[in-house]
């Protein structure tokens, strides 16, 4: 992903079995860091994960690729890598365009 301007991303997250609540708690912690990187959460939805569906769907907006890179490299976030590995089974991240209606 590269962009010189704002980017809107969708993130799909699957919890490791039995760690659904811990995944949400982990996300509460790391998503709180977004504001320090010029980003905002547009939407965050929690699902049941049944039938292979994700447990969380998030849409967020970053001001630039550099802001995203800064968030991903934030030492407060990277310090939680072991917790992320424990609770997150799978992640899909991709750019989206939001439309009204």
PDB file of N, CA and C in Angstrom:
ATOM      1  N   UNK A   1       0.837  -1.180   0.000  1.00  0.00           N
ATOM      2  CA  UNK A   1       0.000   0.000   0.000  1.00  0.00           C
ATOM      3  C   UNK A   1       0.877   1.236   0.000  1.00  0.00           C
ATOM      4  N   UNK A   2       0.686   2.103  -0.937  1.00  0.00           N
ATOM      5  CA  UNK A   2       1.384   3.368  -0.874  1.00  0.00           C
ATOM      6  C   UNK A   2       0.451   4.464  -1.346  1.00  0.00           C
ATOM      7  N   UNK A   3       0.559   5.602  -0.677  1.00  0.00           N
ATOM      8  CA  UNK A   3      -0.303   6.724  -0.995  1.00  0.00           C
ATOM      9  C   UNK A   3       0.327   7.982  -0.427  1.00  0.00           C
ATOM     10  N   UNK A   4       0.221   9.062  -1.188  1.00  0.00           N
ATOM     11  CA  UNK A   4       0.736  10.331  -0.687  1.00  0.00           C
ATOM     12  C   UNK A   4      -0.335  11.098   0.067  1.00  0.00           C
ATOM     13  N   UNK A   5      -1.600  10.734  -0.105  1.00  0.00           N
ATOM     14  CA  UNK A   5      -2.692  11.431   0.545  1.00  0.00           C
ATOM     15  C   UNK A   5      -3.382  10.546   1.556  1.00  0.00           C
ATOM     16  N   UNK A   6      -4.567  10.987   1.985  1.00  0.00           N
ATOM     17  CA  UNK A   6      -5.324  10.217   2.978  1.00  0.00           C
ATOM     18  C   UNK A   6      -5.635   8.804   2.487  1.00  0.00           C
ATOM     19  N   UNK A   7      -5.673   7.866   3.407  1.00  0.00           N
ATOM     20  CA  UNK A   7      -6.102   6.534   3.048  1.00  0.00           C
ATOM     21  C   UNK A   7      -7.089   5.993   4.055  1.00  0.00           C
ATOM     22  N   UNK A   8      -8.081   5.321   3.517  1.00  0.00           N
ATOM     23  CA  UNK A   8      -9.110   4.685   4.326  1.00  0.00           C
ATOM     24  C   UNK A   8      -8.917   3.187   4.182  1.00  0.00           C
ATOM     25  N   UNK A   9      -8.850   2.509   5.311  1.00  0.00           N
ATOM     26  CA  UNK A   9      -8.568   1.071   5.319  1.00  0.00           C
ATOM     27  C   UNK A   9      -9.662   0.309   6.042  1.00  0.00           C
ATOM     28  N   UNK A  10      -9.908  -0.901   5.577  1.00  0.00           N
ATOM     29  CA  UNK A  10     -10.795  -1.830   6.266  1.00  0.00           C
ATOM     30  C   UNK A  10      -9.920  -2.948   6.821  1.00  0.00           C
ATOM     31  N   UNK A  11     -10.176  -3.284   8.063  1.00  0.00           N
ATOM     32  CA  UNK A  11      -9.420  -4.343   8.731  1.00  0.00           C
ATOM     33  C   UNK A  11     -10.401  -5.394   9.235  1.00  0.00           C
ATOM     34  N   UNK A  12     -10.196  -6.627   8.818  1.00  0.00           N
ATOM     35  CA  UNK A  12     -10.988  -7.759   9.287  1.00  0.00           C
ATOM     36  C   UNK A  12     -10.110  -8.567  10.236  1.00  0.00           C
ATOM     37  N   UNK A  13     -10.655  -8.904  11.392  1.00  0.00           N
ATOM     38  CA  UNK A  13      -9.886  -9.619  12.420  1.00  0.00           C
ATOM     39  C   UNK A  13     -10.627 -10.870  12.879  1.00  0.00           C
ATOM     40  N   UNK A  14      -9.901 -11.961  12.925  1.00  0.00           N
ATOM     41  CA  UNK A  14     -10.425 -13.212  13.452  1.00  0.00           C
ATOM     42  C   UNK A  14      -9.687 -13.535  14.739  1.00  0.00           C
ATOM     43  N   UNK A  15     -10.420 -13.886  15.770  1.00  0.00           N
ATOM     44  CA  UNK A  15      -9.818 -14.238  17.059  1.00  0.00           C
ATOM     45  C   UNK A  15      -9.396 -15.702  17.070  1.00  0.00           C
ATOM     46  N   UNK A  16      -8.360 -15.976  17.834  1.00  0.00           N
ATOM     47  CA  UNK A  16      -8.039 -17.383  18.106  1.00  0.00           C
ATOM     48  C   UNK A  16      -9.185 -17.931  18.952  1.00  0.00           C
ATOM     49  N   UNK A  17      -9.561 -19.182  18.740  1.00  0.00           N
ATOM     50  CA  UNK A  17     -10.697 -19.748  19.480  1.00  0.00           C
ATOM     51  C   UNK A  17     -10.575 -19.527  20.985  1.00  0.00           C
ATOM     52  N   UNK A  18     -11.652 -19.015  21.569  1.00  0.00           N
ATOM     53  CA  UNK A  18     -11.709 -18.769  22.998  1.00  0.00           C
ATOM     54  C   UNK A  18     -11.129 -17.425  23.422  1.00  0.00           C
ATOM     55  N   UNK A  19     -10.625 -16.652  22.464  1.00  0.00           N
ATOM     56  CA  UNK A  19      -9.976 -15.373  22.785  1.00  0.00           C
ATOM     57  C   UNK A  19     -10.709 -14.163  22.201  1.00  0.00           C
ATOM     58  N   UNK A  20     -11.990 -14.313  21.949  1.00  0.00           N
ATOM     59  CA  UNK A  20     -12.757 -13.235  21.344  1.00  0.00           C
ATOM     60  C   UNK A  20     -12.757 -11.971  22.210  1.00  0.00           C
ATOM     61  N   UNK A  21     -13.006 -12.116  23.496  1.00  0.00           N
ATOM     62  CA  UNK A  21     -13.024 -10.952  24.391  1.00  0.00           C
ATOM     63  C   UNK A  21     -11.628 -10.346  24.508  1.00  0.00           C
ATOM     64  N   UNK A  22     -10.602 -11.190  24.522  1.00  0.00           N
ATOM     65  CA  UNK A  22      -9.235 -10.691  24.606  1.00  0.00           C
ATOM     66  C   UNK A  22      -8.829  -9.953  23.334  1.00  0.00           C
ATOM     67  N   UNK A  23      -9.318 -10.416  22.169  1.00  0.00           N
ATOM     68  CA  UNK A  23      -9.059  -9.704  20.928  1.00  0.00           C
ATOM     69  C   UNK A  23      -9.644  -8.297  21.017  1.00  0.00           C
ATOM     70  N   UNK A  24     -10.863  -8.185  21.468  1.00  0.00           N
ATOM     71  CA  UNK A  24     -11.491  -6.863  21.591  1.00  0.00           C
ATOM     72  C   UNK A  24     -10.733  -5.978  22.578  1.00  0.00           C
ATOM     73  N   UNK A  25     -10.265  -6.547  23.671  1.00  0.00           N
ATOM     74  CA  UNK A  25      -9.499  -5.776  24.657  1.00  0.00           C
ATOM     75  C   UNK A  25      -8.173  -5.308  24.054  1.00  0.00           C
ATOM     76  N   UNK A  26      -7.512  -6.187  23.324  1.00  0.00           N
ATOM     77  CA  UNK A  26      -6.267  -5.810  22.647  1.00  0.00           C
ATOM     78  C   UNK A  26      -6.529  -4.664  21.671  1.00  0.00           C
ATOM     79  N   UNK A  27      -7.572  -4.790  20.883  1.00  0.00           N
ATOM     80  CA  UNK A  27      -7.905  -3.751  19.911  1.00  0.00           C
ATOM     81  C   UNK A  27      -8.252  -2.435  20.603  1.00  0.00           C
ATOM     82  N   UNK A  28      -8.957  -2.492  21.735  1.00  0.00           N
ATOM     83  CA  UNK A  28      -9.224  -1.266  22.504  1.00  0.00           C
ATOM     84  C   UNK A  28      -7.922  -0.530  22.796  1.00  0.00           C
ATOM     85  N   UNK A  29      -6.909  -1.284  23.181  1.00  0.00           N
ATOM     86  CA  UNK A  29      -5.620  -0.696  23.559  1.00  0.00           C
ATOM     87  C   UNK A  29      -4.900  -0.100  22.357  1.00  0.00           C
ATOM     88  N   UNK A  30      -4.752  -0.867  21.284  1.00  0.00           N
ATOM     89  CA  UNK A  30      -3.960  -0.367  20.151  1.00  0.00           C
ATOM     90  C   UNK A  30      -4.709   0.682  19.337  1.00  0.00           C
ATOM     91  N   UNK A  31      -6.025   0.586  19.262  1.00  0.00           N
ATOM     92  CA  UNK A  31      -6.769   1.599  18.510  1.00  0.00           C
ATOM     93  C   UNK A  31      -6.750   2.956  19.212  1.00  0.00           C
ATOM     94  N   UNK A  32      -6.546   2.962  20.514  1.00  0.00           N
ATOM     95  CA  UNK A  32      -6.429   4.225  21.247  1.00  0.00           C
ATOM     96  C   UNK A  32      -5.194   5.009  20.797  1.00  0.00           C
ATOM     97  N   UNK A  33      -4.231   4.339  20.170  1.00  0.00           N
ATOM     98  CA  UNK A  33      -3.011   4.989  19.693  1.00  0.00           C
ATOM     99  C   UNK A  33      -3.205   5.707  18.357  1.00  0.00           C
ATOM    100  N   UNK A  34      -4.298   5.426  17.666  1.00  0.00           N
ATOM    101  CA  UNK A  34      -4.511   5.998  16.332  1.00  0.00           C
ATOM    102  C   UNK A  34      -4.435   7.515  16.319  1.00  0.00           C
ATOM    103  N   UNK A  35      -5.044   8.141  17.305  1.00  0.00           N
ATOM    104  CA  UNK A  35      -5.098   9.603  17.328  1.00  0.00           C
ATOM    105  C   UNK A  35      -3.695  10.219  17.332  1.00  0.00           C
ATOM    106  N   UNK A  36      -2.735   9.544  17.937  1.00  0.00           N
ATOM    107  CA  UNK A  36      -1.358  10.042  17.973  1.00  0.00           C
ATOM    108  C   UNK A  36      -0.681   9.967  16.607  1.00  0.00           C
ATOM    109  N   UNK A  37      -1.345   9.306  15.650  1.00  0.00           N
ATOM    110  CA  UNK A  37      -0.779   9.126  14.313  1.00  0.00           C
ATOM    111  C   UNK A  37      -1.678   9.742  13.242  1.00  0.00           C
ATOM    112  N   UNK A  38      -2.468  10.721  13.641  1.00  0.00           N
ATOM    113  CA  UNK A  38      -3.296  11.442  12.685  1.00  0.00           C
ATOM    114  C   UNK A  38      -4.389  10.600  12.066  1.00  0.00           C
ATOM    115  N   UNK A  39      -4.854   9.604  12.797  1.00  0.00           N
ATOM    116  CA  UNK A  39      -5.861   8.688  12.258  1.00  0.00           C
ATOM    117  C   UNK A  39      -7.120   8.724  13.109  1.00  0.00           C
ATOM    118  N   UNK A  40      -8.175   8.207  12.552  1.00  0.00           N
ATOM    119  CA  UNK A  40      -9.429   8.097  13.295  1.00  0.00           C
ATOM    120  C   UNK A  40     -10.149   6.817  12.904  1.00  0.00           C
ATOM    121  N   UNK A  41     -10.926   6.300  13.844  1.00  0.00           N
ATOM    122  CA  UNK A  41     -11.785   5.155  13.555  1.00  0.00           C
ATOM    123  C   UNK A  41     -13.064   5.703  12.939  1.00  0.00           C
ATOM    124  N   UNK A  42     -13.413   5.183  11.790  1.00  0.00           N
ATOM    125  CA  UNK A  42     -14.655   5.569  11.124  1.00  0.00           C
ATOM    126  C   UNK A  42     -15.784   4.668  11.608  1.00  0.00           C
ATOM    127  N   UNK A  43     -15.505   3.360  11.656  1.00  0.00           N
ATOM    128  CA  UNK A  43     -16.481   2.374  12.132  1.00  0.00           C
ATOM    129  C   UNK A  43     -15.727   1.224  12.793  1.00  0.00           C
ATOM    130  N   UNK A  44     -16.347   0.671  13.805  1.00  0.00           N
ATOM    131  CA  UNK A  44     -15.835  -0.546  14.438  1.00  0.00           C
ATOM    132  C   UNK A  44     -17.045  -1.392  14.781  1.00  0.00           C
ATOM    133  N   UNK A  45     -17.083  -2.600  14.255  1.00  0.00           N
ATOM    134  CA  UNK A  45     -18.204  -3.496  14.491  1.00  0.00           C
ATOM    135  C   UNK A  45     -17.683  -4.829  15.006  1.00  0.00           C
ATOM    136  N   UNK A  46     -18.405  -5.397  15.942  1.00  0.00           N
ATOM    137  CA  UNK A  46     -18.061  -6.697  16.501  1.00  0.00           C
ATOM    138  C   UNK A  46     -19.101  -7.700  16.024  1.00  0.00           C
ATOM    139  N   UNK A  47     -18.615  -8.824  15.513  1.00  0.00           N
ATOM    140  CA  UNK A  47     -19.491  -9.889  15.034  1.00  0.00           C
ATOM    141  C   UNK A  47     -19.188 -11.153  15.832  1.00  0.00           C
ATOM    142  N   UNK A  48     -19.944 -12.188  15.581  1.00  0.00           N
ATOM    143  CA  UNK A  48     -19.781 -13.423  16.332  1.00  0.00           C
ATOM    144  C   UNK A  48     -18.698 -14.348  15.832  1.00  0.00           C
ATOM    145  N   UNK A  49     -18.233 -14.137  14.606  1.00  0.00           N
ATOM    146  CA  UNK A  49     -17.210 -15.011  14.053  1.00  0.00           C
ATOM    147  C   UNK A  49     -17.744 -16.336  13.558  1.00  0.00           C
ATOM    148  N   UNK A  50     -19.074 -16.493  13.550  1.00  0.00           N
ATOM    149  CA  UNK A  50     -19.669 -17.756  13.109  1.00  0.00           C
ATOM    150  C   UNK A  50     -19.466 -17.963  11.609  1.00  0.00           C
ATOM    151  N   UNK A  51     -19.356 -19.206  11.219  1.00  0.00           N
ATOM    152  CA  UNK A  51     -19.263 -19.545   9.809  1.00  0.00           C
ATOM    153  C   UNK A  51     -18.063 -18.948   9.102  1.00  0.00           C
ATOM    154  N   UNK A  52     -16.988 -18.735   9.828  1.00  0.00           N
ATOM    155  CA  UNK A  52     -15.779 -18.199   9.221  1.00  0.00           C
ATOM    156  C   UNK A  52     -15.760 -16.691   9.075  1.00  0.00           C
ATOM    157  N   UNK A  53     -16.781 -16.021   9.568  1.00  0.00           N
ATOM    158  CA  UNK A  53     -16.807 -14.556   9.503  1.00  0.00           C
ATOM    159  C   UNK A  53     -15.830 -13.971  10.524  1.00  0.00           C
ATOM    160  N   UNK A  54     -15.361 -12.750  10.276  1.00  0.00           N
ATOM    161  CA  UNK A  54     -14.451 -12.129  11.240  1.00  0.00           C
ATOM    162  C   UNK A  54     -15.164 -11.781  12.542  1.00  0.00           C
ATOM    163  N   UNK A  55     -14.375 -11.626  13.599  1.00  0.00           N
ATOM    164  CA  UNK A  55     -14.909 -11.214  14.897  1.00  0.00           C
ATOM    165  C   UNK A  55     -15.031  -9.704  14.989  1.00  0.00           C
ATOM    166  N   UNK A  56     -14.157  -8.991  14.288  1.00  0.00           N
ATOM    167  CA  UNK A  56     -14.235  -7.530  14.255  1.00  0.00           C
ATOM    168  C   UNK A  56     -14.004  -7.043  12.846  1.00  0.00           C
ATOM    169  N   UNK A  57     -14.715  -5.971  12.521  1.00  0.00           N
ATOM    170  CA  UNK A  57     -14.536  -5.249  11.267  1.00  0.00           C
ATOM    171  C   UNK A  57     -14.293  -3.794  11.645  1.00  0.00           C
ATOM    172  N   UNK A  58     -13.196  -3.252  11.170  1.00  0.00           N
ATOM    173  CA  UNK A  58     -12.843  -1.873  11.502  1.00  0.00           C
ATOM    174  C   UNK A  58     -12.577  -1.112  10.209  1.00  0.00           C
ATOM    175  N   UNK A  59     -12.993   0.142  10.203  1.00  0.00           N
ATOM    176  CA  UNK A  59     -12.643   1.045   9.109  1.00  0.00           C
ATOM    177  C   UNK A  59     -11.995   2.255   9.752  1.00  0.00           C
ATOM    178  N   UNK A  60     -10.813   2.592   9.282  1.00  0.00           N
ATOM    179  CA  UNK A  60     -10.156   3.773   9.815  1.00  0.00           C
ATOM    180  C   UNK A  60      -9.513   4.572   8.707  1.00  0.00           C
ATOM    181  N   UNK A  61      -9.253   5.832   9.028  1.00  0.00           N
ATOM    182  CA  UNK A  61      -8.705   6.773   8.058  1.00  0.00           C
ATOM    183  C   UNK A  61      -7.401   7.349   8.597  1.00  0.00           C
ATOM    184  N   UNK A  62      -6.369   7.254   7.766  1.00  0.00           N
ATOM    185  CA  UNK A  62      -5.070   7.835   8.060  1.00  0.00           C
ATOM    186  C   UNK A  62      -4.842   9.009   7.134  1.00  0.00           C
ATOM    187  N   UNK A  63      -4.125  10.018   7.611  1.00  0.00           N
ATOM    188  CA  UNK A  63      -3.833  11.187   6.792  1.00  0.00           C
ATOM    189  C   UNK A  63      -2.882  10.893   5.650  1.00  0.00           C
ATOM    190  N   UNK A  64      -2.030   9.876   5.827  1.00  0.00           N
ATOM    191  CA  UNK A  64      -1.031   9.538   4.810  1.00  0.00           C
ATOM    192  C   UNK A  64      -0.463   8.147   5.095  1.00  0.00           C
ATOM    193  N   UNK A  65       0.276   7.637   4.128  1.00  0.00           N
ATOM    194  CA  UNK A  65       0.978   6.371   4.320  1.00  0.00           C
ATOM    195  C   UNK A  65       1.987   6.493   5.460  1.00  0.00           C
ATOM    196  N   UNK A  66       2.624   7.657   5.579  1.00  0.00           N
ATOM    197  CA  UNK A  66       3.589   7.876   6.665  1.00  0.00           C
ATOM    198  C   UNK A  66       2.917   7.768   8.029  1.00  0.00           C
ATOM    199  N   UNK A  67       1.674   8.256   8.137  1.00  0.00           N
ATOM    200  CA  UNK A  67       0.937   8.121   9.401  1.00  0.00           C
ATOM    201  C   UNK A  67       0.674   6.652   9.717  1.00  0.00           C
ATOM    202  N   UNK A  68       0.265   5.888   8.715  1.00  0.00           N
ATOM    203  CA  UNK A  68       0.038   4.446   8.907  1.00  0.00           C
ATOM    204  C   UNK A  68       1.337   3.758   9.320  1.00  0.00           C
ATOM    205  N   UNK A  69       2.416   4.070   8.618  1.00  0.00           N
ATOM    206  CA  UNK A  69       3.711   3.460   8.944  1.00  0.00           C
ATOM    207  C   UNK A  69       4.123   3.782  10.378  1.00  0.00           C
ATOM    208  N   UNK A  70       3.879   5.024  10.804  1.00  0.00           N
ATOM    209  CA  UNK A  70       4.197   5.423  12.167  1.00  0.00           C
ATOM    210  C   UNK A  70       3.394   4.653  13.198  1.00  0.00           C
ATOM    211  N   UNK A  71       2.112   4.451  12.899  1.00  0.00           N
ATOM    212  CA  UNK A  71       1.252   3.669  13.795  1.00  0.00           C
ATOM    213  C   UNK A  71       1.749   2.229  13.892  1.00  0.00           C
ATOM    214  N   UNK A  72       2.039   1.624  12.740  1.00  0.00           N
ATOM    215  CA  UNK A  72       2.485   0.229  12.739  1.00  0.00           C
ATOM    216  C   UNK A  72       3.804   0.047  13.480  1.00  0.00           C
ATOM    217  N   UNK A  73       4.660   1.071  13.464  1.00  0.00           N
ATOM    218  CA  UNK A  73       5.963   0.991  14.125  1.00  0.00           C
ATOM    219  C   UNK A  73       5.955   1.546  15.549  1.00  0.00           C
ATOM    220  N   UNK A  74       4.827   2.063  15.998  1.00  0.00           N
ATOM    221  CA  UNK A  74       4.750   2.668  17.335  1.00  0.00           C
ATOM    222  C   UNK A  74       5.227   1.659  18.380  1.00  0.00           C
ATOM    223  N   UNK A  75       6.224   2.019  19.194  1.00  0.00           N
ATOM    224  CA  UNK A  75       6.758   1.072  20.179  1.00  0.00           C
ATOM    225  C   UNK A  75       5.723   0.607  21.200  1.00  0.00           C
ATOM    226  N   UNK A  76       4.733   1.430  21.478  1.00  0.00           N
ATOM    227  CA  UNK A  76       3.666   1.004  22.403  1.00  0.00           C
ATOM    228  C   UNK A  76       2.854  -0.120  21.768  1.00  0.00           C
ATOM    229  N   UNK A  77       2.683  -0.084  20.457  1.00  0.00           N
ATOM    230  CA  UNK A  77       1.962  -1.129  19.745  1.00  0.00           C
ATOM    231  C   UNK A  77       2.837  -2.367  19.575  1.00  0.00           C
ATOM    232  N   UNK A  78       4.075  -2.183  19.143  1.00  0.00           N
ATOM    233  CA  UNK A  78       4.951  -3.332  18.899  1.00  0.00           C
ATOM    234  C   UNK A  78       5.287  -4.076  20.190  1.00  0.00           C
ATOM    235  N   UNK A  79       5.248  -3.372  21.325  1.00  0.00           N
ATOM    236  CA  UNK A  79       5.491  -4.026  22.623  1.00  0.00           C
ATOM    237  C   UNK A  79       4.408  -5.050  22.945  1.00  0.00           C
ATOM    238  N   UNK A  80       3.274  -4.949  22.268  1.00  0.00           N
ATOM    239  CA  UNK A  80       2.150  -5.867  22.500  1.00  0.00           C
ATOM    240  C   UNK A  80       2.100  -7.003  21.478  1.00  0.00           C
ATOM    241  N   UNK A  81       3.189  -7.212  20.751  1.00  0.00           N
ATOM    242  CA  UNK A  81       3.214  -8.233  19.697  1.00  0.00           C
ATOM    243  C   UNK A  81       2.872  -9.629  20.229  1.00  0.00           C
ATOM    244  N   UNK A  82       3.361  -9.982  21.385  1.00  0.00           N
ATOM    245  CA  UNK A  82       3.072 -11.312  21.939  1.00  0.00           C
ATOM    246  C   UNK A  82       1.590 -11.452  22.265  1.00  0.00           C
ATOM    247  N   UNK A  83       0.992 -10.396  22.781  1.00  0.00           N
ATOM    248  CA  UNK A  83      -0.450 -10.437  23.072  1.00  0.00           C
ATOM    249  C   UNK A  83      -1.242 -10.550  21.778  1.00  0.00           C
ATOM    250  N   UNK A  84      -0.827  -9.802  20.773  1.00  0.00           N
ATOM    251  CA  UNK A  84      -1.503  -9.882  19.471  1.00  0.00           C
ATOM    252  C   UNK A  84      -1.435 -11.313  18.931  1.00  0.00           C
ATOM    253  N   UNK A  85      -0.261 -11.907  18.987  1.00  0.00           N
ATOM    254  CA  UNK A  85      -0.072 -13.281  18.506  1.00  0.00           C
ATOM    255  C   UNK A  85      -0.958 -14.261  19.276  1.00  0.00           C
ATOM    256  N   UNK A  86      -1.143 -14.009  20.558  1.00  0.00           N
ATOM    257  CA  UNK A  86      -1.963 -14.891  21.400  1.00  0.00           C
ATOM    258  C   UNK A  86      -3.437 -14.816  21.041  1.00  0.00           C
ATOM    259  N   UNK A  87      -3.927 -13.634  20.676  1.00  0.00           N
ATOM    260  CA  UNK A  87      -5.380 -13.458  20.524  1.00  0.00           C
ATOM    261  C   UNK A  87      -5.862 -13.343  19.080  1.00  0.00           C
ATOM    262  N   UNK A  88      -4.994 -12.950  18.148  1.00  0.00           N
ATOM    263  CA  UNK A  88      -5.416 -12.740  16.759  1.00  0.00           C
ATOM    264  C   UNK A  88      -4.967 -13.913  15.901  1.00  0.00           C
ATOM    265  N   UNK A  89      -5.928 -14.576  15.303  1.00  0.00           N
ATOM    266  CA  UNK A  89      -5.606 -15.698  14.422  1.00  0.00           C
ATOM    267  C   UNK A  89      -5.287 -15.227  13.016  1.00  0.00           C
ATOM    268  N   UNK A  90      -6.047 -14.231  12.544  1.00  0.00           N
ATOM    269  CA  UNK A  90      -5.902 -13.793  11.157  1.00  0.00           C
ATOM    270  C   UNK A  90      -6.332 -12.339  11.033  1.00  0.00           C
ATOM    271  N   UNK A  91      -5.662 -11.615  10.141  1.00  0.00           N
ATOM    272  CA  UNK A  91      -5.996 -10.222   9.854  1.00  0.00           C
ATOM    273  C   UNK A  91      -5.982 -10.016   8.350  1.00  0.00           C
ATOM    274  N   UNK A  92      -6.956  -9.291   7.850  1.00  0.00           N
ATOM    275  CA  UNK A  92      -6.946  -8.836   6.464  1.00  0.00           C
ATOM    276  C   UNK A  92      -7.091  -7.328   6.492  1.00  0.00           C
ATOM    277  N   UNK A  93      -6.198  -6.632   5.798  1.00  0.00           N
ATOM    278  CA  UNK A  93      -6.197  -5.178   5.750  1.00  0.00           C
ATOM    279  C   UNK A  93      -6.149  -4.756   4.290  1.00  0.00           C
ATOM    280  N   UNK A  94      -7.076  -3.869   3.902  1.00  0.00           N
ATOM    281  CA  UNK A  94      -7.108  -3.436   2.515  1.00  0.00           C
ATOM    282  C   UNK A  94      -7.727  -2.048   2.403  1.00  0.00           C
ATOM    283  N   UNK A  95      -7.319  -1.274   1.375  1.00  0.00           N
ATOM    284  CA  UNK A  95      -7.862   0.060   1.195  1.00  0.00           C
ATOM    285  C   UNK A  95      -9.294  -0.005   0.663  1.00  0.00           C
ATOM    286  N   UNK A  96     -10.111   0.952   1.095  1.00  0.00           N
ATOM    287  CA  UNK A  96     -11.506   1.052   0.650  1.00  0.00           C
ATOM    288  C   UNK A  96     -11.831   2.508   0.357  1.00  0.00           C
ATOM    289  N   UNK A  97     -12.931   2.689  -0.365  1.00  0.00           N
ATOM    290  CA  UNK A  97     -13.503   4.002  -0.580  1.00  0.00           C
ATOM    291  C   UNK A  97     -14.884   4.002   0.024  1.00  0.00           C
ATOM    292  N   UNK A  98     -15.166   4.950   0.902  1.00  0.00           N
ATOM    293  CA  UNK A  98     -16.473   5.013   1.562  1.00  0.00           C
ATOM    294  C   UNK A  98     -17.464   5.715   0.646  1.00  0.00           C
ATOM    295  N   UNK A  99     -18.686   5.197   0.647  1.00  0.00           N
ATOM    296  CA  UNK A  99     -19.767   5.795  -0.136  1.00  0.00           C
ATOM    297  C   UNK A  99     -20.983   5.953   0.745  1.00  0.00           C
ATOM    298  N   UNK A 100     -21.689   7.020   0.541  1.00  0.00           N
ATOM    299  CA  UNK A 100     -22.922   7.262   1.284  1.00  0.00           C
ATOM    300  C   UNK A 100     -24.057   6.431   0.702  1.00  0.00           C
ATOM    301  N   UNK A 101     -24.982   6.047   1.588  1.00  0.00           N
ATOM    302  CA  UNK A 101     -26.200   5.385   1.150  1.00  0.00           C
ATOM    303  C   UNK A 101     -26.054   3.956   0.967  1.00  0.00           C
TER     304      UNK A 101
END
